Protein backbone atom coordinates (compact mmCIF):
# COMPACT_ATOMS: atom_id res chain seq x y z
CA UNK A 1 86.84 104.70 150.84
CA UNK A 2 88.02 107.75 153.02
CA UNK A 3 85.35 110.32 152.47
CA UNK A 4 82.27 109.79 150.44
CA UNK A 5 80.51 106.43 150.55
CA UNK A 6 80.51 104.06 147.45
CA UNK A 7 76.72 104.56 146.55
CA UNK A 8 77.59 108.26 145.98
CA UNK A 9 80.61 107.61 143.68
CA UNK A 10 78.47 105.07 141.70
CA UNK A 11 75.39 107.09 141.15
CA UNK A 12 77.21 110.17 140.16
CA UNK A 13 79.50 108.10 138.00
CA UNK A 14 76.44 106.57 136.47
CA UNK A 15 74.68 110.10 135.87
CA UNK A 16 77.71 111.34 134.06
CA UNK A 17 77.78 108.22 131.83
CA UNK A 18 74.23 108.88 130.80
CA UNK A 19 74.88 112.55 130.29
CA UNK A 20 77.89 111.84 128.12
CA UNK A 21 75.71 109.21 125.97
CA UNK A 22 73.44 112.14 125.43
CA UNK A 23 76.00 114.56 124.27
CA UNK A 24 77.61 111.82 122.03
CA UNK A 25 74.19 111.08 120.50
CA UNK A 26 73.14 114.70 119.75
CA UNK A 27 76.47 116.27 118.51
CA UNK A 28 76.96 114.18 115.53
CA UNK A 29 73.19 114.46 114.54
CA UNK A 30 73.47 118.39 115.25
CA UNK A 31 76.62 118.43 112.72
CA UNK A 32 74.71 116.44 109.97
CA UNK A 33 71.68 118.66 110.03
CA UNK A 34 74.04 121.71 109.86
CA UNK A 35 75.62 120.25 106.58
CA UNK A 36 72.28 119.19 105.14
CA UNK A 37 71.33 122.79 105.75
CA UNK A 38 74.44 124.03 103.85
CA UNK A 39 76.92 124.95 106.53
CA UNK A 40 80.62 123.92 105.68
CA UNK A 41 82.77 122.02 107.84
CA UNK A 42 84.58 125.20 109.25
CA UNK A 43 81.07 126.33 110.57
CA UNK A 44 80.53 123.24 111.81
CA UNK A 45 83.68 122.75 113.53
CA UNK A 46 83.46 126.57 115.31
CA UNK A 47 79.87 125.49 116.34
CA UNK A 48 81.12 121.80 117.89
CA UNK A 49 83.62 123.64 120.17
CA UNK A 50 81.26 126.32 121.84
CA UNK A 51 80.66 123.60 124.76
CA UNK A 52 84.12 122.61 125.27
CA UNK A 53 84.79 126.51 124.76
CA UNK A 54 82.85 127.29 127.84
CA UNK A 55 84.30 124.58 129.83
CA UNK A 56 87.94 125.80 129.34
CA UNK A 57 86.74 129.22 130.25
CA UNK A 58 85.03 128.33 133.27
CA UNK A 59 87.33 125.51 134.66
CA UNK A 60 89.43 127.79 136.58
CA UNK A 61 87.04 128.93 138.96
CA UNK A 62 84.95 125.60 139.34
CA UNK A 63 87.41 124.36 141.98
CA UNK A 64 86.44 127.40 144.13
CA UNK A 65 82.65 126.60 143.57
CA UNK A 66 83.26 123.28 144.80
CA UNK A 67 84.90 124.58 147.57
CA UNK A 68 82.03 127.12 148.42
CA UNK A 69 78.97 124.95 147.66
CA UNK A 70 80.43 121.25 147.71
CA UNK A 71 80.53 118.51 145.12
CA UNK A 72 76.71 117.46 145.18
CA UNK A 73 75.10 120.79 145.03
CA UNK A 74 77.95 121.93 142.35
CA UNK A 75 76.90 118.44 140.20
CA UNK A 76 72.99 119.36 140.51
CA UNK A 77 73.11 122.91 139.36
CA UNK A 78 75.79 121.41 136.35
CA UNK A 79 72.75 118.65 135.44
CA UNK A 80 70.04 121.39 135.50
CA UNK A 81 72.06 123.35 133.08
CA UNK A 82 72.63 120.62 130.94
CA UNK A 83 68.54 119.74 130.89
CA UNK A 84 67.98 123.38 129.71
CA UNK A 85 70.74 123.28 127.05
CA UNK A 86 69.53 119.81 125.78
CA UNK A 87 65.71 121.27 125.60
CA UNK A 88 67.11 124.26 123.70
CA UNK A 89 68.36 121.53 120.96
CA UNK A 90 65.06 119.79 120.79
CA UNK A 91 62.89 123.36 120.32
CA UNK A 92 65.34 124.94 118.43
CA UNK A 93 65.64 124.54 114.59
CA UNK A 94 68.70 127.03 113.72
CA UNK A 95 72.28 127.68 114.22
CA UNK A 96 71.75 130.51 116.52
CA UNK A 97 69.58 129.07 118.82
CA UNK A 98 71.53 125.86 119.07
CA UNK A 99 74.60 127.97 119.59
CA UNK A 100 72.74 129.67 122.71
CA UNK A 101 72.25 125.80 124.03
CA UNK A 102 75.53 124.89 123.57
CA UNK A 103 76.79 127.67 125.64
CA UNK A 104 74.30 126.47 128.35
CA UNK A 105 75.21 123.23 128.00
CA UNK A 106 79.01 123.83 128.37
CA UNK A 107 78.54 125.96 131.60
CA UNK A 108 76.79 122.98 132.89
CA UNK A 109 79.07 120.17 131.92
CA UNK A 110 82.24 122.38 133.54
CA UNK A 111 80.42 122.20 136.93
CA UNK A 112 79.52 118.54 136.68
CA UNK A 113 82.76 117.59 135.04
CA UNK A 114 85.15 118.71 137.76
CA UNK A 115 82.98 117.51 140.32
CA UNK A 116 82.99 113.88 139.32
CA UNK A 117 86.72 113.98 138.53
CA UNK A 118 87.72 115.34 142.09
CA UNK A 119 85.36 112.55 143.80
CA UNK A 120 86.94 109.84 141.95
CA UNK A 121 90.50 110.92 142.31
CA UNK A 122 89.88 111.85 145.87
CA UNK A 123 88.24 108.53 146.58
CA UNK A 124 90.30 105.86 144.70
CA UNK A 125 92.80 103.76 146.63
CA UNK A 126 96.20 105.14 145.62
CA UNK A 127 97.54 101.35 144.64
CA UNK A 128 94.41 100.75 142.23
CA UNK A 129 94.08 104.40 141.24
CA UNK A 130 94.73 103.35 137.53
CA UNK A 131 92.08 100.67 137.24
CA UNK A 132 89.47 102.81 139.02
CA UNK A 133 89.76 105.74 136.75
CA UNK A 134 90.20 103.09 133.98
CA UNK A 135 87.03 101.82 134.72
CA UNK A 136 85.19 104.80 134.84
CA UNK A 137 86.60 106.23 131.87
CA UNK A 138 85.67 102.71 130.23
CA UNK A 139 82.05 103.31 131.25
CA UNK A 140 82.24 106.97 129.54
CA UNK A 141 83.83 105.33 126.32
CA UNK A 142 80.69 103.06 126.20
CA UNK A 143 78.47 106.08 126.35
CA UNK A 144 80.71 107.70 123.75
CA UNK A 145 80.54 104.82 121.69
CA UNK A 146 76.59 103.80 122.06
CA UNK A 147 75.29 107.34 121.65
CA UNK A 148 76.10 107.82 117.94
CA UNK A 149 74.74 104.38 116.91
CA UNK A 150 71.44 105.07 118.70
CA UNK A 151 69.68 106.92 115.69
CA UNK A 152 70.53 104.04 113.70
CA UNK A 153 69.98 101.04 116.39
CA UNK A 154 66.28 102.80 117.30
CA UNK A 155 65.52 103.77 113.64
CA UNK A 156 65.17 107.58 114.84
CA UNK A 157 64.64 110.65 112.78
CA UNK A 158 66.76 113.49 113.92
CA UNK A 159 64.01 115.26 115.77
CA UNK A 160 63.44 112.62 117.63
CA UNK A 161 66.89 112.06 118.73
CA UNK A 162 66.82 115.55 120.06
CA UNK A 163 64.24 114.74 122.40
CA UNK A 164 65.40 111.40 123.63
CA UNK A 165 68.60 113.34 124.65
CA UNK A 166 66.46 115.54 126.98
CA UNK A 167 64.82 112.34 128.35
CA UNK A 168 68.32 111.25 129.35
CA UNK A 169 69.69 114.43 130.65
CA UNK A 170 66.63 114.34 132.67
CA UNK A 171 67.43 110.95 134.32
CA UNK A 172 71.08 112.31 134.83
CA UNK A 173 69.17 115.03 136.95
CA UNK A 174 67.04 112.74 138.85
CA UNK A 175 70.19 110.54 139.72
CA UNK A 176 71.95 113.71 140.98
CA UNK A 177 68.94 114.90 143.24
CA UNK A 178 68.68 111.28 144.89
CA UNK A 179 72.35 111.88 146.19
CA UNK A 180 72.61 112.64 149.67
CA UNK A 181 74.06 116.33 149.73
CA UNK A 182 75.66 115.61 153.20
CA UNK A 183 77.71 112.68 151.90
CA UNK A 184 80.43 114.85 150.89
CA UNK A 185 80.95 118.25 152.58
CA UNK A 186 82.18 121.15 151.05
CA UNK A 187 86.08 121.24 150.46
CA UNK A 188 87.69 124.74 150.97
CA UNK A 189 90.74 124.80 148.46
CA UNK A 190 93.86 126.48 149.63
CA UNK A 191 95.58 128.89 147.04
CA UNK A 192 98.10 126.28 146.19
CA UNK A 193 95.53 123.91 145.00
CA UNK A 194 94.33 126.13 142.10
CA UNK A 195 94.25 125.40 138.48
CA UNK A 196 96.77 127.69 137.27
CA UNK A 197 99.18 126.42 139.71
CA UNK A 198 98.57 123.04 138.69
CA UNK A 199 98.93 123.98 135.11
CA UNK A 200 102.44 125.39 135.90
CA UNK A 201 103.53 122.21 137.84
CA UNK A 202 102.58 119.91 135.51
CA UNK A 203 102.49 121.57 132.39
CA UNK A 204 103.40 118.45 129.94
CA UNK A 205 100.62 116.42 131.60
CA UNK A 206 98.26 119.20 130.80
CA UNK A 207 99.86 119.16 126.69
CA UNK A 208 99.14 115.48 126.72
CA UNK A 209 95.56 116.11 128.00
CA UNK A 210 95.02 118.65 125.23
CA UNK A 211 95.94 116.31 122.53
CA UNK A 212 93.51 113.57 124.07
CA UNK A 213 90.94 116.53 123.75
CA UNK A 214 91.73 117.06 120.31
CA UNK A 215 91.70 113.14 119.29
CA UNK A 216 88.80 112.17 121.21
CA UNK A 217 86.70 115.01 121.31
CA UNK A 218 87.41 117.22 118.71
CA UNK A 219 87.05 115.16 116.05
CA UNK A 220 83.74 113.54 116.34
CA UNK A 221 81.37 115.95 114.60
CA UNK A 222 83.64 116.87 111.82
CA UNK A 223 84.25 112.72 110.84
CA UNK A 224 80.21 112.99 110.80
CA UNK A 225 80.06 115.96 108.72
CA UNK A 226 82.66 114.66 106.39
CA UNK A 227 81.01 111.34 105.91
CA UNK A 228 77.59 113.16 105.20
CA UNK A 229 79.28 115.25 102.62
CA UNK A 230 80.29 112.07 100.84
CA UNK A 231 76.75 110.92 100.44
CA UNK A 232 76.22 108.83 103.52
CA UNK A 233 72.56 109.13 105.38
CA UNK A 234 72.34 110.32 108.85
CA UNK A 235 72.97 106.76 110.48
CA UNK A 236 75.87 105.88 108.44
CA UNK A 237 77.63 109.18 108.95
CA UNK A 238 77.22 109.52 112.75
CA UNK A 239 78.58 105.98 113.05
CA UNK A 240 82.08 107.35 112.51
CA UNK A 241 81.70 109.25 115.43
CA UNK A 242 80.77 106.03 117.15
CA UNK A 243 83.79 104.51 116.08
CA UNK A 244 85.91 106.98 118.02
CA UNK A 245 83.46 106.06 120.98
CA UNK A 246 84.14 102.37 120.63
CA UNK A 247 87.86 103.28 120.66
CA UNK A 248 87.19 104.90 123.87
CA UNK A 249 85.35 102.11 125.29
CA UNK A 250 87.96 99.73 124.32
CA UNK A 251 91.20 101.27 125.45
CA UNK A 252 90.61 102.97 128.69
CA UNK A 253 90.92 100.05 131.19
CA UNK A 254 93.89 98.76 129.59
CA UNK A 255 95.48 102.23 129.78
CA UNK A 256 94.70 102.19 133.49
CA UNK A 257 96.06 99.04 134.25
CA UNK A 258 99.30 100.04 132.44
CA UNK A 259 99.39 102.91 134.43
CA UNK A 260 99.38 100.85 137.50
CA UNK A 261 101.98 98.53 135.97
CA UNK A 262 104.49 99.99 133.53
CA UNK A 263 106.61 103.47 133.74
CA UNK A 264 104.41 106.15 132.73
CA UNK A 265 106.72 107.89 130.04
CA UNK A 266 106.74 104.58 128.35
CA UNK A 267 103.10 104.50 127.99
CA UNK A 268 102.47 108.02 126.86
CA UNK A 269 105.27 107.34 124.16
CA UNK A 270 103.45 104.54 122.84
CA UNK A 271 100.18 106.39 122.81
CA UNK A 272 101.90 109.10 120.89
CA UNK A 273 103.46 107.00 118.18
CA UNK A 274 99.74 105.15 117.60
CA UNK A 275 98.23 108.64 117.03
CA UNK A 276 100.70 109.62 114.57
CA UNK A 277 100.33 106.43 112.70
CA UNK A 278 96.65 107.05 112.65
CA UNK A 279 97.13 111.02 111.51
CA UNK A 280 98.84 109.33 108.65
CA UNK A 281 96.49 106.94 107.35
CA UNK A 282 93.45 109.19 107.31
CA UNK A 283 95.57 110.87 104.26
CA UNK A 284 94.09 107.86 102.35
CA UNK A 285 90.61 107.72 103.33
CA UNK A 286 89.66 109.39 100.01
CA UNK A 287 90.51 106.13 98.30
CA UNK A 288 89.39 103.71 100.98
CA UNK A 289 86.59 105.42 103.06
CA UNK A 290 86.82 102.34 105.85
CA UNK A 291 89.72 104.32 107.06
CA UNK A 292 87.85 106.86 108.63
CA UNK A 293 86.34 104.37 110.93
CA UNK A 294 89.84 102.75 111.55
CA UNK A 295 91.65 105.94 112.45
CA UNK A 296 88.38 106.99 114.25
CA UNK A 297 89.07 103.97 116.60
CA UNK A 298 92.62 104.71 117.62
CA UNK A 299 91.66 108.64 117.86
CA UNK A 300 89.00 107.53 120.22
CA UNK A 301 90.90 105.07 122.22
CA UNK A 302 94.51 106.67 122.30
CA UNK A 303 93.13 110.24 122.48
CA UNK A 304 90.90 109.09 125.48
CA UNK A 305 94.06 107.10 127.17
CA UNK A 306 95.92 110.40 127.17
CA UNK A 307 93.36 112.22 129.18
CA UNK A 308 93.01 109.04 131.79
CA UNK A 309 96.54 108.65 132.20
CA UNK A 310 96.84 112.47 132.73
CA UNK A 311 94.13 112.20 135.41
CA UNK A 312 95.88 108.98 136.92
CA UNK A 313 99.16 110.94 137.17
CA UNK A 314 97.52 114.08 138.84
CA UNK A 315 96.06 112.08 141.42
CA UNK A 316 99.15 110.80 142.36
CA UNK A 317 100.99 114.10 142.29
CA UNK A 318 98.10 116.00 144.36
CA UNK A 319 96.11 114.91 147.40
CA UNK A 320 93.46 115.89 149.18
CA UNK A 321 91.99 119.29 148.90
CA UNK A 322 94.49 120.12 145.93
CA UNK A 323 92.82 117.27 143.97
CA UNK A 324 90.36 119.54 142.33
CA UNK A 325 92.56 121.96 141.30
CA UNK A 326 94.61 119.16 139.83
CA UNK A 327 91.85 117.61 138.30
CA UNK A 328 90.67 120.90 136.72
CA UNK A 329 94.06 121.52 135.15
CA UNK A 330 93.83 118.10 133.23
CA UNK A 331 90.27 119.01 132.27
CA UNK A 332 91.22 122.63 131.17
CA UNK A 333 93.83 121.01 128.91
CA UNK A 334 91.65 118.41 127.48
CA UNK A 335 88.61 120.81 126.88
CA UNK A 336 90.95 123.56 125.12
CA UNK A 337 91.69 120.38 122.92
CA UNK A 338 88.15 119.78 122.49
CA UNK A 339 87.48 123.38 121.91
CA UNK A 340 90.13 124.05 119.10
CA UNK A 341 90.31 120.70 117.52
CA UNK A 342 86.98 121.05 115.74
CA UNK A 343 87.72 124.49 114.80
CA UNK A 344 91.51 123.49 113.43
CA UNK A 345 89.98 120.29 111.91
CA UNK A 346 86.92 121.69 110.34
CA UNK A 347 88.75 124.79 108.50
CA UNK A 348 91.98 122.58 107.70
CA UNK A 349 89.51 119.88 105.99
CA UNK A 350 87.63 122.68 104.12
CA UNK A 351 90.77 124.40 102.74
CA UNK A 352 93.22 121.45 102.19
CA UNK A 353 91.24 118.34 102.17
CA UNK A 354 92.16 115.26 104.18
CA UNK A 355 95.76 115.45 103.13
CA UNK A 356 95.91 118.80 105.16
CA UNK A 357 93.94 117.32 107.98
CA UNK A 358 96.48 114.55 108.23
CA UNK A 359 99.50 117.02 108.27
CA UNK A 360 97.73 118.97 111.18
CA UNK A 361 97.09 115.94 113.16
CA UNK A 362 100.52 114.36 112.51
CA UNK A 363 102.20 117.47 113.86
CA UNK A 364 100.21 117.20 117.10
CA UNK A 365 100.88 113.86 117.57
CA UNK A 366 104.55 114.75 117.33
CA UNK A 367 103.76 117.35 120.04
CA UNK A 368 102.45 114.58 122.26
CA UNK A 369 105.42 112.72 121.89
CA UNK A 370 107.76 115.62 122.46
CA UNK A 371 105.74 115.80 125.77
CA UNK A 372 105.74 112.47 126.67
CA UNK A 373 109.49 112.53 126.60
CA UNK A 374 109.74 115.31 128.82
CA UNK A 375 107.98 113.42 131.75
CA UNK A 376 110.21 111.50 134.28
CA UNK A 377 110.91 107.87 133.49
CA UNK A 378 109.50 106.33 136.48
């Protein structure tokens, strides 16, 4: 490893995994509570997009923050904000208070997300970068998978779930505070390594990351809220979001392996075609509710793979200090997908039902296919 020692990689990777598990657990519970309070899927989608909106808006400046304060300090600040946001969820009881907490949570996520991805892309050996990133994304997928199932597994009520989330985010902060701040020095980023420059250089990769954000991150809350509207209880409804996490867990390492061994355009093309298939299938979930879980499995697995593959490719395209800007560009694409996904899918589902949602997602999958075909064949 060229810069940071392995213990720092594992420590911050474990901390991020813990915080993702808390997010995956809290988000569907809040969506179900809002649905039970009488809010439609459109309003729930608007609420669910707030953390991603903050990440998307702030991500262009985060590489400069890292360059000024260093990776570890930036990560710690993000963890503190995440803890404040999780506490706000537990203390609040209405959509206004929860929205403020979502803004704080999104600000913290922007800091720690880019810090973690930058560290990993810098330190992974080029010849096995796909497998290293795949293993890390598999850990995040496991957190996304387990989080929504925890209320059912532990037989917890909604308020208890929110306080458990506070405890989990607190554990993330403790891990970050134990990291050696001198293990990674500040990384001054040249102007050529900025986020906007990276977006202009690799727009099709950013478009694929956007599609990944819609499918993996943008449909969890809406899926859980729709299941709740069908009469399912809290534990069953949140398991729809759990299926998305299970898919993310299962697909990430195979995607990373494929990136190391196969032409990237072929891998992206296959992913887009699978998403198109799942998009068509969800139109029939009204007659066969089990399709909600089956489609969720593909949404999470293949959508997450699009992001993983994009990060791997940007790590090959960028090196050294410019990595933070390249990683931020992919995170920006992904988070705009996670921002607009809940909003668009929620209002579409409310206005046109599952058929309308299927059409929307199918068009997005076709867009991902077009972006994949614009990539170099090698």
